[in-house]
């Protein structure tokens, strides 16, 4: 799937992703992607730091985008495992960037990793690994 096709699919199937912020697919190539989530105050935890749930959701979204780019529009592909290492504090007022790549793509499972950044900084905010379950193809 192309960035435009993925964006249309996500807006149709997951409109809740766009309620307070916008998620922009900057690059996708069928095995990896780079997405940006525009800043919104709802991303912050007390103390003005980007919250863990915000980072986990963005990591999950980035891996989903990478997977769908490889296998096509399968809304029922689901996360079965997600592990996150939080490495640095995310600054308030700055967009978040996620760079995801598939490490292994099988018939039923996909494994990947996501690096999360704050704006243009090259310092990692968090690193995530995850596994997705791919639904069986059905003959129609």
Protein backbone atom coordinates (compact mmCIF):
# COMPACT_ATOMS: atom_id res chain seq x y z
CA UNK A 1 0.00 0.00 0.00
CA UNK A 2 1.13 3.55 -0.67
CA UNK A 3 1.22 6.34 1.93
CA UNK A 4 -1.98 7.79 0.46
CA UNK A 5 -3.79 4.44 0.52
CA UNK A 6 -2.66 3.81 4.10
CA UNK A 7 -3.78 7.27 5.21
CA UNK A 8 -7.23 6.78 3.65
CA UNK A 9 -7.53 3.32 5.23
CA UNK A 10 -6.58 4.57 8.71
CA UNK A 11 -8.92 7.56 8.52
CA UNK A 12 -11.77 5.26 7.50
CA UNK A 13 -11.09 2.36 9.90
CA UNK A 14 -9.58 4.24 12.87
CA UNK A 15 -10.95 7.81 12.91
CA UNK A 16 -10.31 7.99 16.67
CA UNK A 17 -6.58 8.36 15.85
CA UNK A 18 -7.25 11.84 14.51
CA UNK A 19 -9.42 13.36 17.25
CA UNK A 20 -6.76 15.47 19.01
CA UNK A 21 -3.69 15.15 16.76
CA UNK A 22 -2.81 14.26 13.22
CA UNK A 23 -0.71 11.28 12.22
CA UNK A 24 1.21 11.88 9.00
CA UNK A 25 2.78 9.04 7.03
CA UNK A 26 5.98 10.65 5.80
CA UNK A 27 7.54 7.62 4.13
CA UNK A 28 6.61 3.99 3.50
CA UNK A 29 8.31 1.36 1.34
CA UNK A 30 6.66 -2.00 2.04
CA UNK A 31 9.03 -3.01 4.87
CA UNK A 32 9.51 0.23 6.82
CA UNK A 33 7.86 3.55 7.47
CA UNK A 34 8.33 6.91 9.11
CA UNK A 35 5.31 8.61 10.65
CA UNK A 36 4.86 11.89 12.51
CA UNK A 37 2.31 12.66 15.20
CA UNK A 38 1.60 16.34 15.64
CA UNK A 39 1.91 17.66 19.17
CA UNK A 40 -1.15 18.12 21.36
CA UNK A 41 -1.29 18.82 25.10
CA UNK A 42 -3.20 15.57 25.61
CA UNK A 43 0.13 13.77 24.97
CA UNK A 44 1.61 15.08 28.21
CA UNK A 45 1.72 13.52 31.64
CA UNK A 46 2.06 15.61 34.83
CA UNK A 47 5.37 17.45 34.76
CA UNK A 48 5.16 18.23 31.04
CA UNK A 49 6.70 15.01 29.72
CA UNK A 50 5.32 13.03 26.80
CA UNK A 51 3.41 10.11 28.32
CA UNK A 52 4.28 6.45 27.95
CA UNK A 53 0.85 5.55 26.53
CA UNK A 54 1.34 8.20 23.81
CA UNK A 55 4.68 6.68 22.82
CA UNK A 56 3.32 3.11 22.91
CA UNK A 57 0.33 4.05 20.75
CA UNK A 58 2.57 5.76 18.19
CA UNK A 59 4.92 2.76 18.10
CA UNK A 60 1.97 0.43 17.58
CA UNK A 61 0.57 2.64 14.83
CA UNK A 62 3.93 2.78 13.04
CA UNK A 63 4.30 -1.00 13.08
CA UNK A 64 0.72 -1.40 11.84
CA UNK A 65 1.48 0.98 8.95
CA UNK A 66 4.65 -0.96 8.06
CA UNK A 67 2.77 -4.25 8.18
CA UNK A 68 -0.18 -3.05 6.09
CA UNK A 69 2.21 -1.60 3.52
CA UNK A 70 3.59 -5.13 3.14
CA UNK A 71 0.40 -7.23 3.29
CA UNK A 72 -2.40 -4.89 2.22
CA UNK A 73 -5.49 -3.58 4.02
CA UNK A 74 -6.18 -6.17 6.71
CA UNK A 75 -7.88 -4.33 9.56
CA UNK A 76 -7.86 -7.43 11.76
CA UNK A 77 -4.07 -7.75 11.99
CA UNK A 78 -3.50 -7.30 15.72
CA UNK A 79 -0.68 -6.71 18.17
CA UNK A 80 0.17 -9.84 20.15
CA UNK A 81 3.26 -8.53 21.92
CA UNK A 82 4.69 -5.07 22.56
CA UNK A 83 7.83 -4.30 24.56
CA UNK A 84 9.01 -0.72 25.09
CA UNK A 85 12.20 0.66 26.58
CA UNK A 86 11.77 4.32 27.55
CA UNK A 87 15.16 5.98 27.15
CA UNK A 88 14.76 9.76 27.32
CA UNK A 89 12.23 12.42 28.28
CA UNK A 90 10.02 13.67 25.45
CA UNK A 91 9.74 17.46 25.31
CA UNK A 92 6.43 19.31 25.34
CA UNK A 93 5.46 21.24 22.24
CA UNK A 94 7.33 19.00 19.78
CA UNK A 95 5.96 16.52 17.26
CA UNK A 96 6.82 12.85 17.72
CA UNK A 97 8.44 10.76 14.98
CA UNK A 98 8.38 6.97 14.69
CA UNK A 99 10.63 4.95 12.40
CA UNK A 100 9.42 1.35 12.07
CA UNK A 101 10.75 -1.64 10.19
CA UNK A 102 9.69 -5.22 9.79
CA UNK A 103 12.34 -7.68 10.91
CA UNK A 104 10.46 -10.84 9.88
CA UNK A 105 7.27 -11.27 7.92
CA UNK A 106 5.71 -14.71 7.98
CA UNK A 107 2.31 -16.05 6.96
CA UNK A 108 0.79 -15.70 10.43
CA UNK A 109 3.21 -13.48 12.42
CA UNK A 110 5.24 -10.35 11.79
CA UNK A 111 8.02 -9.07 14.05
CA UNK A 112 9.34 -5.53 13.96
CA UNK A 113 10.97 -2.67 15.78
CA UNK A 114 10.22 1.03 16.18
CA UNK A 115 12.50 3.88 17.16
CA UNK A 116 10.77 6.95 18.60
CA UNK A 117 12.16 10.48 18.42
CA UNK A 118 11.16 13.99 19.46
CA UNK A 119 10.98 16.32 16.45
CA UNK A 120 14.28 16.49 14.56
CA UNK A 121 16.38 15.17 17.46
CA UNK A 122 18.43 12.04 16.78
CA UNK A 123 18.29 11.07 20.46
CA UNK A 124 16.00 8.08 21.02
CA UNK A 125 13.00 8.67 23.27
CA UNK A 126 12.05 5.01 23.23
CA UNK A 127 12.65 1.75 21.40
CA UNK A 128 9.91 -0.83 20.91
CA UNK A 129 9.76 -4.36 19.58
CA UNK A 130 6.50 -6.03 18.72
CA UNK A 131 4.80 -8.99 17.15
CA UNK A 132 1.61 -8.83 15.09
CA UNK A 133 -0.76 -11.66 14.29
CA UNK A 134 -1.84 -11.71 10.64
CA UNK A 135 -5.33 -13.09 9.99
CA UNK A 136 -5.62 -15.98 7.55
CA UNK A 137 -6.58 -15.05 4.01
CA UNK A 138 -10.14 -15.98 3.18
CA UNK A 139 -11.43 -17.00 -0.20
CA UNK A 140 -14.37 -14.84 -1.21
